Amino acid sequence: MTDRPRLLPIHASRHQLSMAVQIVLTTWLLLIPLIALAHVEGGAAGGFLSGFGHPISGLDHVLAMVAVGLWGAQLSAPAIWLLPVAFPIMMAFGGLLGLSGVELPAVEVAIALSAVILGALILGAIRVPLAAALLLVGFFAVFHGHAHGTEMTAGQSAILYSIGFVIATGLLHAAGIGIGFIHRWEPGRVALRGAGGVVMAGGVFFLWNALA
């Protein structure tokens, strides 16, 4: 009787891992026809492929987006699923603002701060109410999306460009979640906090450059 409660966290982790794999596979299944469409439509290819490549071409974006998945995994359910959903939604909103020419102040500073703050939260294993976590990642997502939107090259498909950077962001979140599953073991929890320190250090570097 005393052994059964110890099995529950393991079962829950296996279920979460299965869900993460399903998310990644579903994302790639959605990605395949979009890539094919981009190749067929010629000019649209630049829109989708450029949008898809933009989040992964900048380390400041990569650090923050992977950190969202890491922090979600550290906070566990339901944050592990809600944070990676909230971020792309608000990022798409920010992208719309950028595409529309709406200006936001200190975009590069906010992007760097997102890595600093998320990294610090992971490093300190800080738990906050779910609403506060959603508000935080949603706020920073707007600035990430705005940066993507303003850097779209003229003549590209805005819709496919937006789909591209949202899908790339989802994959980066999924990578963070996958790495974050090491949190189920004590050495993994230490390693995860160390990863938060790396994210925070990278954010400080980009913040320094943004303020210089």
N, C-alpha and C. Protein backbone atom coordinates (compact mmCIF):
# COMPACT_ATOMS: atom_id res chain seq x y z
N MET A 1 0.82 -1.20 0.00
CA MET A 1 0.00 0.00 0.00
C MET A 1 0.86 1.26 0.00
N THR A 2 1.98 1.22 0.69
CA THR A 2 2.81 2.43 0.80
C THR A 2 3.55 2.73 -0.49
N ASP A 3 3.67 1.70 -1.42
CA ASP A 3 4.42 1.93 -2.64
C ASP A 3 3.58 2.61 -3.72
N ARG A 4 2.24 2.50 -3.66
CA ARG A 4 1.40 3.00 -4.74
C ARG A 4 1.51 4.51 -4.94
N PRO A 5 1.47 5.32 -3.89
CA PRO A 5 1.57 6.76 -4.11
C PRO A 5 2.86 7.17 -4.81
N ARG A 6 3.95 6.40 -4.64
CA ARG A 6 5.21 6.76 -5.28
C ARG A 6 5.16 6.55 -6.78
N LEU A 7 4.24 5.71 -7.26
CA LEU A 7 4.15 5.44 -8.68
C LEU A 7 3.40 6.53 -9.43
N LEU A 8 2.58 7.32 -8.74
CA LEU A 8 1.75 8.30 -9.41
C LEU A 8 2.53 9.36 -10.15
N PRO A 9 3.60 9.94 -9.57
CA PRO A 9 4.36 10.93 -10.32
C PRO A 9 4.98 10.37 -11.59
N ILE A 10 5.40 9.09 -11.54
CA ILE A 10 6.00 8.47 -12.72
C ILE A 10 4.96 8.32 -13.81
N HIS A 11 3.75 7.87 -13.44
CA HIS A 11 2.68 7.72 -14.43
C HIS A 11 2.33 9.07 -15.03
N ALA A 12 2.26 10.10 -14.20
CA ALA A 12 1.92 11.43 -14.70
C ALA A 12 2.99 11.92 -15.66
N SER A 13 4.27 11.66 -15.35
CA SER A 13 5.34 12.11 -16.22
C SER A 13 5.28 11.40 -17.57
N ARG A 14 4.97 10.10 -17.55
CA ARG A 14 4.85 9.37 -18.81
C ARG A 14 3.71 9.93 -19.64
N HIS A 15 2.62 10.27 -18.99
CA HIS A 15 1.48 10.85 -19.72
C HIS A 15 1.87 12.19 -20.32
N GLN A 16 2.59 13.02 -19.56
CA GLN A 16 3.02 14.32 -20.06
C GLN A 16 3.99 14.16 -21.23
N LEU A 17 4.90 13.19 -21.14
CA LEU A 17 5.84 12.94 -22.22
C LEU A 17 5.10 12.53 -23.48
N SER A 18 4.08 11.67 -23.33
CA SER A 18 3.28 11.25 -24.48
C SER A 18 2.58 12.44 -25.11
N MET A 19 2.05 13.33 -24.28
CA MET A 19 1.38 14.52 -24.80
C MET A 19 2.36 15.42 -25.54
N ALA A 20 3.57 15.56 -25.02
CA ALA A 20 4.57 16.41 -25.67
C ALA A 20 4.94 15.85 -27.04
N VAL A 21 5.10 14.53 -27.12
CA VAL A 21 5.42 13.89 -28.40
C VAL A 21 4.29 14.12 -29.39
N GLN A 22 3.05 14.01 -28.93
CA GLN A 22 1.90 14.23 -29.81
C GLN A 22 1.88 15.66 -30.33
N ILE A 23 2.21 16.62 -29.47
CA ILE A 23 2.23 18.02 -29.89
C ILE A 23 3.26 18.24 -30.98
N VAL A 24 4.46 17.69 -30.78
CA VAL A 24 5.53 17.86 -31.76
C VAL A 24 5.15 17.23 -33.09
N LEU A 25 4.62 16.01 -33.05
CA LEU A 25 4.23 15.31 -34.27
C LEU A 25 3.12 16.05 -35.00
N THR A 26 2.13 16.53 -34.25
CA THR A 26 1.03 17.28 -34.85
C THR A 26 1.54 18.55 -35.52
N THR A 27 2.46 19.22 -34.85
CA THR A 27 3.03 20.44 -35.42
C THR A 27 3.73 20.15 -36.74
N TRP A 28 4.49 19.08 -36.76
CA TRP A 28 5.20 18.74 -38.00
C TRP A 28 4.24 18.31 -39.10
N LEU A 29 3.15 17.63 -38.73
CA LEU A 29 2.15 17.25 -39.73
C LEU A 29 1.49 18.49 -40.34
N LEU A 30 1.30 19.51 -39.51
CA LEU A 30 0.78 20.77 -40.02
C LEU A 30 1.81 21.48 -40.88
N LEU A 31 3.06 21.29 -40.55
CA LEU A 31 4.14 21.98 -41.25
C LEU A 31 4.35 21.45 -42.66
N ILE A 32 4.20 20.14 -42.86
CA ILE A 32 4.50 19.53 -44.15
C ILE A 32 3.67 20.12 -45.30
N PRO A 33 2.32 20.19 -45.19
CA PRO A 33 1.57 20.77 -46.31
C PRO A 33 1.86 22.25 -46.51
N LEU A 34 2.20 22.97 -45.45
CA LEU A 34 2.51 24.39 -45.59
C LEU A 34 3.81 24.58 -46.36
N ILE A 35 4.79 23.72 -46.11
CA ILE A 35 6.04 23.79 -46.86
C ILE A 35 5.78 23.50 -48.34
N ALA A 36 4.95 22.47 -48.59
CA ALA A 36 4.63 22.14 -49.97
C ALA A 36 3.93 23.31 -50.66
N LEU A 37 3.00 23.94 -49.95
CA LEU A 37 2.30 25.10 -50.49
C LEU A 37 3.28 26.22 -50.80
N ALA A 38 4.23 26.41 -49.93
CA ALA A 38 5.20 27.48 -50.14
C ALA A 38 6.03 27.24 -51.39
N HIS A 39 6.40 25.99 -51.64
CA HIS A 39 7.18 25.67 -52.83
C HIS A 39 6.35 25.89 -54.10
N VAL A 40 5.08 25.61 -54.04
CA VAL A 40 4.23 25.73 -55.22
C VAL A 40 3.97 27.18 -55.58
N GLU A 41 3.75 28.02 -54.56
CA GLU A 41 3.32 29.38 -54.82
C GLU A 41 4.47 30.35 -55.09
N GLY A 42 5.68 29.89 -55.12
CA GLY A 42 6.79 30.74 -55.50
C GLY A 42 7.02 31.86 -54.51
N GLY A 43 6.39 33.02 -54.75
CA GLY A 43 6.58 34.18 -53.89
C GLY A 43 6.18 33.91 -52.46
N ALA A 44 5.20 33.03 -52.27
CA ALA A 44 4.76 32.71 -50.91
C ALA A 44 5.82 31.94 -50.16
N ALA A 45 6.71 31.27 -50.89
CA ALA A 45 7.75 30.50 -50.22
C ALA A 45 8.58 31.40 -49.33
N GLY A 46 8.93 32.57 -49.84
CA GLY A 46 9.71 33.49 -49.04
C GLY A 46 8.99 33.87 -47.78
N GLY A 47 7.67 34.05 -47.87
CA GLY A 47 6.90 34.43 -46.69
C GLY A 47 6.93 33.37 -45.61
N PHE A 48 6.59 32.15 -45.97
CA PHE A 48 6.54 31.09 -44.96
C PHE A 48 7.93 30.74 -44.44
N LEU A 49 8.86 30.50 -45.36
CA LEU A 49 10.18 30.07 -44.94
C LEU A 49 10.91 31.18 -44.18
N SER A 50 10.70 32.42 -44.59
CA SER A 50 11.31 33.53 -43.87
C SER A 50 10.73 33.64 -42.47
N GLY A 51 9.41 33.50 -42.36
CA GLY A 51 8.77 33.56 -41.05
C GLY A 51 9.20 32.41 -40.16
N PHE A 52 9.32 31.22 -40.75
CA PHE A 52 9.73 30.06 -39.98
C PHE A 52 11.17 30.20 -39.49
N GLY A 53 12.02 30.79 -40.32
CA GLY A 53 13.42 30.91 -39.96
C GLY A 53 13.73 32.05 -39.01
N HIS A 54 12.82 33.03 -38.94
CA HIS A 54 13.14 34.22 -38.15
C HIS A 54 13.34 33.93 -36.67
N PRO A 55 12.44 33.19 -36.00
CA PRO A 55 12.65 32.94 -34.56
C PRO A 55 13.91 32.15 -34.25
N ILE A 56 14.30 31.24 -35.16
CA ILE A 56 15.46 30.40 -34.88
C ILE A 56 16.77 31.02 -35.38
N SER A 57 16.67 32.19 -36.02
CA SER A 57 17.87 32.84 -36.52
C SER A 57 18.47 33.80 -35.50
N GLY A 58 17.73 34.12 -34.46
CA GLY A 58 18.23 35.01 -33.43
C GLY A 58 18.29 34.31 -32.09
N LEU A 59 19.47 34.27 -31.49
CA LEU A 59 19.63 33.55 -30.23
C LEU A 59 18.79 34.15 -29.11
N ASP A 60 18.55 35.47 -29.16
CA ASP A 60 17.72 36.09 -28.13
C ASP A 60 16.30 35.53 -28.17
N HIS A 61 15.76 35.33 -29.38
CA HIS A 61 14.44 34.73 -29.51
C HIS A 61 14.46 33.27 -29.05
N VAL A 62 15.47 32.53 -29.48
CA VAL A 62 15.56 31.11 -29.14
C VAL A 62 15.61 30.91 -27.63
N LEU A 63 16.45 31.69 -26.95
CA LEU A 63 16.58 31.55 -25.49
C LEU A 63 15.24 31.76 -24.80
N ALA A 64 14.53 32.81 -25.17
CA ALA A 64 13.27 33.13 -24.50
C ALA A 64 12.21 32.07 -24.79
N MET A 65 12.13 31.62 -26.02
CA MET A 65 11.07 30.68 -26.39
C MET A 65 11.31 29.29 -25.81
N VAL A 66 12.57 28.86 -25.78
CA VAL A 66 12.87 27.59 -25.11
C VAL A 66 12.62 27.73 -23.61
N ALA A 67 12.93 28.92 -23.06
CA ALA A 67 12.73 29.15 -21.63
C ALA A 67 11.26 29.04 -21.23
N VAL A 68 10.36 29.44 -22.12
CA VAL A 68 8.93 29.30 -21.83
C VAL A 68 8.57 27.83 -21.60
N GLY A 69 9.09 26.96 -22.48
CA GLY A 69 8.85 25.53 -22.30
C GLY A 69 9.52 24.99 -21.05
N LEU A 70 10.74 25.44 -20.76
CA LEU A 70 11.44 24.99 -19.55
C LEU A 70 10.68 25.39 -18.29
N TRP A 71 10.25 26.65 -18.25
CA TRP A 71 9.54 27.13 -17.06
C TRP A 71 8.20 26.43 -16.90
N GLY A 72 7.51 26.21 -18.02
CA GLY A 72 6.25 25.48 -17.96
C GLY A 72 6.44 24.09 -17.40
N ALA A 73 7.50 23.40 -17.85
CA ALA A 73 7.78 22.06 -17.34
C ALA A 73 8.12 22.11 -15.85
N GLN A 74 8.82 23.14 -15.45
CA GLN A 74 9.19 23.28 -14.05
C GLN A 74 7.95 23.54 -13.18
N LEU A 75 7.01 24.34 -13.71
CA LEU A 75 5.78 24.62 -12.97
C LEU A 75 4.81 23.46 -13.01
N SER A 76 4.96 22.56 -14.01
CA SER A 76 4.10 21.38 -14.21
C SER A 76 2.70 21.80 -14.66
N ALA A 77 1.80 20.81 -14.79
CA ALA A 77 0.46 21.06 -15.31
C ALA A 77 -0.32 21.97 -14.35
N PRO A 78 -1.17 22.86 -14.92
CA PRO A 78 -1.47 23.06 -16.35
C PRO A 78 -0.56 24.05 -17.05
N ALA A 79 0.39 24.66 -16.33
CA ALA A 79 1.26 25.67 -16.93
C ALA A 79 2.09 25.08 -18.07
N ILE A 80 2.45 23.80 -17.97
CA ILE A 80 3.29 23.19 -18.99
C ILE A 80 2.63 23.23 -20.36
N TRP A 81 1.29 23.26 -20.41
CA TRP A 81 0.58 23.33 -21.68
C TRP A 81 0.07 24.73 -21.98
N LEU A 82 -0.34 25.46 -20.96
CA LEU A 82 -0.95 26.77 -21.18
C LEU A 82 0.07 27.84 -21.58
N LEU A 83 1.25 27.82 -20.98
CA LEU A 83 2.25 28.84 -21.33
C LEU A 83 2.66 28.75 -22.80
N PRO A 84 2.96 27.53 -23.34
CA PRO A 84 3.33 27.44 -24.75
C PRO A 84 2.16 27.71 -25.70
N VAL A 85 0.94 27.76 -25.19
CA VAL A 85 -0.21 28.14 -26.02
C VAL A 85 -0.39 29.66 -25.99
N ALA A 86 -0.27 30.22 -24.80
CA ALA A 86 -0.47 31.67 -24.64
C ALA A 86 0.59 32.47 -25.39
N PHE A 87 1.83 31.99 -25.37
CA PHE A 87 2.91 32.75 -26.00
C PHE A 87 2.69 32.94 -27.51
N PRO A 88 2.45 31.87 -28.29
CA PRO A 88 2.25 32.08 -29.73
C PRO A 88 1.02 32.92 -30.05
N ILE A 89 -0.04 32.79 -29.24
CA ILE A 89 -1.23 33.59 -29.50
C ILE A 89 -0.92 35.08 -29.36
N MET A 90 -0.28 35.45 -28.26
CA MET A 90 0.05 36.85 -28.04
C MET A 90 1.17 37.30 -28.99
N MET A 91 2.04 36.39 -29.39
CA MET A 91 3.08 36.73 -30.34
C MET A 91 2.47 37.05 -31.70
N ALA A 92 1.45 36.29 -32.09
CA ALA A 92 0.76 36.58 -33.34
C ALA A 92 0.11 37.96 -33.29
N PHE A 93 -0.43 38.32 -32.13
CA PHE A 93 -1.01 39.66 -31.96
C PHE A 93 0.08 40.72 -32.12
N GLY A 94 1.22 40.50 -31.49
CA GLY A 94 2.33 41.43 -31.64
C GLY A 94 2.81 41.51 -33.07
N GLY A 95 2.83 40.37 -33.77
CA GLY A 95 3.22 40.37 -35.18
C GLY A 95 2.27 41.19 -36.02
N LEU A 96 0.98 41.12 -35.70
CA LEU A 96 -0.01 41.93 -36.42
C LEU A 96 0.24 43.41 -36.21
N LEU A 97 0.61 43.78 -34.99
CA LEU A 97 0.94 45.18 -34.72
C LEU A 97 2.15 45.62 -35.55
N GLY A 98 3.16 44.76 -35.60
CA GLY A 98 4.35 45.08 -36.37
C GLY A 98 4.06 45.21 -37.85
N LEU A 99 3.27 44.27 -38.38
CA LEU A 99 2.90 44.30 -39.80
C LEU A 99 2.07 45.53 -40.13
N SER A 100 1.31 46.01 -39.16
CA SER A 100 0.44 47.17 -39.37
C SER A 100 1.17 48.49 -39.18
N GLY A 101 2.43 48.43 -38.77
CA GLY A 101 3.20 49.64 -38.58
C GLY A 101 3.02 50.30 -37.24
N VAL A 102 2.39 49.61 -36.29
CA VAL A 102 2.20 50.16 -34.95
C VAL A 102 3.53 50.06 -34.19
N GLU A 103 3.96 51.17 -33.63
CA GLU A 103 5.24 51.21 -32.93
C GLU A 103 5.09 50.77 -31.47
N LEU A 104 6.07 50.04 -30.97
CA LEU A 104 6.16 49.69 -29.55
C LEU A 104 7.51 50.19 -29.04
N PRO A 105 7.56 50.66 -27.81
CA PRO A 105 8.82 51.18 -27.28
C PRO A 105 9.78 50.06 -26.85
N ALA A 106 11.06 50.30 -27.06
CA ALA A 106 12.12 49.45 -26.52
C ALA A 106 11.89 47.96 -26.78
N VAL A 107 11.64 47.61 -28.03
CA VAL A 107 11.34 46.21 -28.38
C VAL A 107 12.53 45.30 -28.08
N GLU A 108 13.72 45.70 -28.51
CA GLU A 108 14.90 44.85 -28.30
C GLU A 108 15.22 44.71 -26.81
N VAL A 109 15.00 45.78 -26.05
CA VAL A 109 15.22 45.71 -24.60
C VAL A 109 14.24 44.72 -23.97
N ALA A 110 12.98 44.77 -24.39
CA ALA A 110 11.97 43.87 -23.83
C ALA A 110 12.27 42.42 -24.18
N ILE A 111 12.76 42.18 -25.41
CA ILE A 111 13.11 40.81 -25.81
C ILE A 111 14.25 40.28 -24.95
N ALA A 112 15.26 41.11 -24.73
CA ALA A 112 16.37 40.69 -23.88
C ALA A 112 15.92 40.47 -22.44
N LEU A 113 15.06 41.36 -21.95
CA LEU A 113 14.55 41.22 -20.59
C LEU A 113 13.75 39.94 -20.41
N SER A 114 13.07 39.50 -21.48
CA SER A 114 12.29 38.27 -21.38
C SER A 114 13.19 37.09 -21.06
N ALA A 115 14.38 37.05 -21.67
CA ALA A 115 15.32 35.97 -21.37
C ALA A 115 15.90 36.12 -19.97
N VAL A 116 16.18 37.35 -19.57
CA VAL A 116 16.72 37.58 -18.23
C VAL A 116 15.73 37.13 -17.17
N ILE A 117 14.49 37.57 -17.28
CA ILE A 117 13.49 37.28 -16.25
C ILE A 117 13.08 35.82 -16.25
N LEU A 118 12.83 35.25 -17.44
CA LEU A 118 12.46 33.84 -17.49
C LEU A 118 13.59 32.96 -16.98
N GLY A 119 14.82 33.31 -17.38
CA GLY A 119 15.96 32.54 -16.90
C GLY A 119 16.10 32.61 -15.39
N ALA A 120 15.88 33.80 -14.82
CA ALA A 120 15.97 33.97 -13.37
C ALA A 120 14.89 33.17 -12.65
N LEU A 121 13.69 33.13 -13.23
CA LEU A 121 12.60 32.37 -12.62
C LEU A 121 12.92 30.88 -12.60
N ILE A 122 13.52 30.39 -13.70
CA ILE A 122 13.90 28.97 -13.77
C ILE A 122 15.05 28.70 -12.81
N LEU A 123 16.04 29.57 -12.80
CA LEU A 123 17.19 29.40 -11.91
C LEU A 123 16.76 29.35 -10.45
N GLY A 124 15.83 30.21 -10.08
CA GLY A 124 15.36 30.24 -8.70
C GLY A 124 14.24 29.28 -8.40
N ALA A 125 13.81 28.50 -9.43
CA ALA A 125 12.68 27.57 -9.27
C ALA A 125 11.50 28.30 -8.62
N ILE A 126 11.23 29.50 -9.13
CA ILE A 126 10.19 30.36 -8.54
C ILE A 126 8.82 29.99 -9.11
N ARG A 127 7.90 29.76 -8.21
CA ARG A 127 6.53 29.42 -8.60
C ARG A 127 5.65 30.64 -8.37
N VAL A 128 4.85 30.97 -9.36
CA VAL A 128 3.92 32.10 -9.26
C VAL A 128 2.53 31.59 -9.64
N PRO A 129 1.48 32.33 -9.29
CA PRO A 129 0.13 31.93 -9.72
C PRO A 129 0.06 31.81 -11.23
N LEU A 130 -0.77 30.89 -11.70
CA LEU A 130 -0.87 30.64 -13.14
C LEU A 130 -1.22 31.91 -13.91
N ALA A 131 -2.14 32.70 -13.39
CA ALA A 131 -2.54 33.93 -14.08
C ALA A 131 -1.35 34.87 -14.25
N ALA A 132 -0.51 34.96 -13.23
CA ALA A 132 0.67 35.83 -13.31
C ALA A 132 1.66 35.29 -14.34
N ALA A 133 1.83 33.98 -14.39
CA ALA A 133 2.74 33.38 -15.37
C ALA A 133 2.25 33.62 -16.79
N LEU A 134 0.95 33.47 -17.01
CA LEU A 134 0.37 33.71 -18.33
C LEU A 134 0.51 35.17 -18.73
N LEU A 135 0.27 36.07 -17.78
CA LEU A 135 0.39 37.50 -18.06
C LEU A 135 1.84 37.85 -18.42
N LEU A 136 2.78 37.27 -17.72
CA LEU A 136 4.19 37.57 -17.96
C LEU A 136 4.63 37.12 -19.35
N VAL A 137 4.37 35.85 -19.68
CA VAL A 137 4.82 35.35 -20.98
C VAL A 137 4.04 36.02 -22.11
N GLY A 138 2.76 36.33 -21.87
CA GLY A 138 1.97 37.01 -22.89
C GLY A 138 2.49 38.41 -23.17
N PHE A 139 2.91 39.10 -22.12
CA PHE A 139 3.45 40.45 -22.28
C PHE A 139 4.71 40.42 -23.14
N PHE A 140 5.64 39.54 -22.82
CA PHE A 140 6.88 39.47 -23.59
C PHE A 140 6.64 38.95 -25.01
N ALA A 141 5.64 38.07 -25.17
CA ALA A 141 5.35 37.52 -26.49
C ALA A 141 4.97 38.61 -27.48
N VAL A 142 4.28 39.64 -27.01
CA VAL A 142 3.88 40.73 -27.89
C VAL A 142 5.11 41.39 -28.51
N PHE A 143 6.16 41.58 -27.74
CA PHE A 143 7.37 42.22 -28.24
C PHE A 143 8.11 41.31 -29.21
N HIS A 144 8.16 40.01 -28.90
CA HIS A 144 8.79 39.07 -29.83
C HIS A 144 8.04 39.07 -31.16
N GLY A 145 6.73 39.02 -31.10
CA GLY A 145 5.93 39.02 -32.32
C GLY A 145 6.08 40.31 -33.10
N HIS A 146 6.14 41.44 -32.38
CA HIS A 146 6.30 42.73 -33.05
C HIS A 146 7.61 42.76 -33.83
N ALA A 147 8.68 42.23 -33.24
CA ALA A 147 9.96 42.20 -33.94
C ALA A 147 9.86 41.37 -35.21
N HIS A 148 9.17 40.24 -35.14
CA HIS A 148 8.99 39.42 -36.34
C HIS A 148 8.20 40.17 -37.40
N GLY A 149 7.13 40.82 -36.97
CA GLY A 149 6.26 41.50 -37.93
C GLY A 149 6.94 42.65 -38.65
N THR A 150 7.73 43.43 -37.93
CA THR A 150 8.38 44.59 -38.55
C THR A 150 9.51 44.20 -39.48
N GLU A 151 10.01 42.97 -39.37
CA GLU A 151 11.15 42.57 -40.19
C GLU A 151 10.76 41.73 -41.39
N MET A 152 9.44 41.66 -41.67
CA MET A 152 9.01 40.95 -42.87
C MET A 152 9.39 41.75 -44.11
N THR A 153 9.98 41.08 -45.09
CA THR A 153 10.38 41.73 -46.33
C THR A 153 9.16 42.05 -47.18
N ALA A 154 9.17 43.20 -47.80
CA ALA A 154 8.05 43.62 -48.66
C ALA A 154 7.84 42.62 -49.78
N GLY A 155 6.58 42.36 -50.11
CA GLY A 155 6.24 41.44 -51.19
C GLY A 155 5.99 40.02 -50.74
N GLN A 156 6.27 39.71 -49.48
CA GLN A 156 6.03 38.36 -48.97
C GLN A 156 4.59 38.23 -48.49
N SER A 157 4.13 36.99 -48.39
CA SER A 157 2.79 36.71 -47.88
C SER A 157 2.77 36.89 -46.37
N ALA A 158 2.01 37.87 -45.89
CA ALA A 158 1.95 38.14 -44.45
C ALA A 158 1.35 36.96 -43.70
N ILE A 159 0.37 36.30 -44.30
CA ILE A 159 -0.29 35.17 -43.62
C ILE A 159 0.68 34.01 -43.46
N LEU A 160 1.36 33.64 -44.55
CA LEU A 160 2.30 32.51 -44.46
C LEU A 160 3.50 32.87 -43.61
N TYR A 161 3.92 34.12 -43.66
CA TYR A 161 5.02 34.57 -42.80
C TYR A 161 4.64 34.41 -41.34
N SER A 162 3.42 34.82 -40.98
CA SER A 162 2.95 34.70 -39.60
C SER A 162 2.82 33.24 -39.18
N ILE A 163 2.28 32.41 -40.08
CA ILE A 163 2.16 30.98 -39.78
C ILE A 163 3.55 30.39 -39.54
N GLY A 164 4.50 30.81 -40.34
CA GLY A 164 5.86 30.29 -40.21
C GLY A 164 6.47 30.60 -38.87
N PHE A 165 6.38 31.86 -38.41
CA PHE A 165 7.05 32.15 -37.14
C PHE A 165 6.28 31.61 -35.95
N VAL A 166 4.97 31.42 -36.08
CA VAL A 166 4.20 30.81 -34.99
C VAL A 166 4.55 29.33 -34.85
N ILE A 167 4.67 28.62 -35.98
CA ILE A 167 5.02 27.20 -35.93
C ILE A 167 6.43 27.01 -35.38
N ALA A 168 7.37 27.84 -35.84
CA ALA A 168 8.74 27.73 -35.33
C ALA A 168 8.77 27.97 -33.83
N THR A 169 7.99 28.94 -33.37
CA THR A 169 7.92 29.22 -31.94
C THR A 169 7.37 28.02 -31.17
N GLY A 170 6.32 27.39 -31.71
CA GLY A 170 5.76 26.21 -31.06
C GLY A 170 6.76 25.08 -30.94
N LEU A 171 7.59 24.91 -31.96
CA LEU A 171 8.61 23.86 -31.90
C LEU A 171 9.68 24.17 -30.86
N LEU A 172 10.04 25.45 -30.73
CA LEU A 172 11.01 25.83 -29.70
C LEU A 172 10.42 25.61 -28.30
N HIS A 173 9.14 25.92 -28.13
CA HIS A 173 8.48 25.63 -26.85
C HIS A 173 8.50 24.13 -26.58
N ALA A 174 8.19 23.34 -27.61
CA ALA A 174 8.18 21.88 -27.44
C ALA A 174 9.56 21.36 -27.06
N ALA A 175 10.60 21.95 -27.63
CA ALA A 175 11.96 21.56 -27.26
C ALA A 175 12.22 21.87 -25.79
N GLY A 176 11.76 23.04 -25.33
CA GLY A 176 11.92 23.39 -23.93
C GLY A 176 11.18 22.44 -23.01
N ILE A 177 9.97 22.07 -23.41
CA ILE A 177 9.19 21.12 -22.61
C ILE A 177 9.91 19.78 -22.54
N GLY A 178 10.40 19.33 -23.70
CA GLY A 178 11.10 18.05 -23.73
C GLY A 178 12.31 18.03 -22.81
N ILE A 179 13.09 19.11 -22.86
CA ILE A 179 14.24 19.20 -21.97
C ILE A 179 13.79 19.29 -20.52
N GLY A 180 12.68 20.00 -20.31
CA GLY A 180 12.19 20.23 -18.95
C GLY A 180 11.72 18.98 -18.22
N PHE A 181 11.51 17.89 -18.95
CA PHE A 181 11.08 16.66 -18.28
C PHE A 181 12.16 16.06 -17.37
N ILE A 182 13.38 16.57 -17.48
CA ILE A 182 14.41 16.12 -16.54
C ILE A 182 14.09 16.58 -15.13
N HIS A 183 13.10 17.46 -15.00
CA HIS A 183 12.71 17.98 -13.69
C HIS A 183 12.16 16.88 -12.77
N ARG A 184 11.80 15.74 -13.33
CA ARG A 184 11.23 14.67 -12.51
C ARG A 184 12.28 14.00 -11.63
N TRP A 185 13.58 14.18 -11.95
CA TRP A 185 14.67 13.63 -11.15
C TRP A 185 15.40 14.74 -10.42
N GLU A 186 15.92 14.44 -9.25
CA GLU A 186 16.62 15.46 -8.47
C GLU A 186 17.82 16.04 -9.23
N PRO A 187 18.71 15.22 -9.84
CA PRO A 187 19.80 15.82 -10.62
C PRO A 187 19.26 16.65 -11.79
N GLY A 188 18.15 16.21 -12.35
CA GLY A 188 17.54 16.96 -13.45
C GLY A 188 17.04 18.32 -13.00
N ARG A 189 16.51 18.39 -11.79
CA ARG A 189 16.04 19.68 -11.27
C ARG A 189 17.21 20.65 -11.12
N VAL A 190 18.34 20.13 -10.69
CA VAL A 190 19.54 20.97 -10.57
C VAL A 190 19.99 21.42 -11.96
N ALA A 191 20.01 20.50 -12.91
CA ALA A 191 20.42 20.83 -14.28
C ALA A 191 19.48 21.84 -14.90
N LEU A 192 18.17 21.70 -14.63
CA LEU A 192 17.19 22.62 -15.19
C LEU A 192 17.41 24.03 -14.65
N ARG A 193 17.72 24.13 -13.37
CA ARG A 193 18.01 25.45 -12.81
C ARG A 193 19.29 26.02 -13.41
N GLY A 194 20.26 25.14 -13.68
CA GLY A 194 21.47 25.58 -14.36
C GLY A 194 21.17 26.11 -15.76
N ALA A 195 20.24 25.45 -16.46
CA ALA A 195 19.84 25.92 -17.79
C ALA A 195 19.20 27.30 -17.69
N GLY A 196 18.45 27.52 -16.61
CA GLY A 196 17.87 28.84 -16.39
C GLY A 196 18.95 29.89 -16.22
N GLY A 197 20.03 29.52 -15.53
CA GLY A 197 21.15 30.44 -15.37
C GLY A 197 21.79 30.79 -16.71
N VAL A 198 21.90 29.80 -17.60
CA VAL A 198 22.46 30.05 -18.93
C VAL A 198 21.56 31.00 -19.71
N VAL A 199 20.24 30.77 -19.64
CA VAL A 199 19.29 31.65 -20.33
C VAL A 199 19.41 33.08 -19.79
N MET A 200 19.47 33.20 -18.47
CA MET A 200 19.56 34.53 -17.86
C MET A 200 20.86 35.22 -18.28
N ALA A 201 21.98 34.50 -18.29
CA ALA A 201 23.25 35.09 -18.70
C ALA A 201 23.20 35.57 -20.15
N GLY A 202 22.59 34.75 -21.01
CA GLY A 202 22.43 35.16 -22.41
C GLY A 202 21.56 36.41 -22.51
N GLY A 203 20.50 36.46 -21.70
CA GLY A 203 19.64 37.63 -21.71
C GLY A 203 20.37 38.88 -21.26
N VAL A 204 21.23 38.76 -20.26
CA VAL A 204 22.02 39.90 -19.79
C VAL A 204 22.93 40.40 -20.90
N PHE A 205 23.52 39.47 -21.65
CA PHE A 205 24.39 39.85 -22.77
C PHE A 205 23.61 40.65 -23.81
N PHE A 206 22.43 40.14 -24.19
CA PHE A 206 21.62 40.85 -25.19
C PHE A 206 21.06 42.16 -24.64
N LEU A 207 20.77 42.20 -23.37
CA LEU A 207 20.30 43.45 -22.76
C LEU A 207 21.39 44.50 -22.80
N TRP A 208 22.62 44.10 -22.51
CA TRP A 208 23.75 45.01 -22.56
C TRP A 208 23.90 45.60 -23.96
N ASN A 209 23.78 44.74 -24.98
CA ASN A 209 23.90 45.20 -26.36
C ASN A 209 22.75 46.13 -26.73
N ALA A 210 21.53 45.81 -26.25
CA ALA A 210 20.37 46.62 -26.58
C ALA A 210 20.45 48.01 -25.95
N LEU A 211 21.08 48.10 -24.80
CA LEU A 211 21.18 49.38 -24.09
C LEU A 211 22.42 50.18 -24.49
N ALA A 212 23.36 49.49 -25.17
CA ALA A 212 24.62 50.17 -25.54
C ALA A 212 24.38 51.25 -26.60
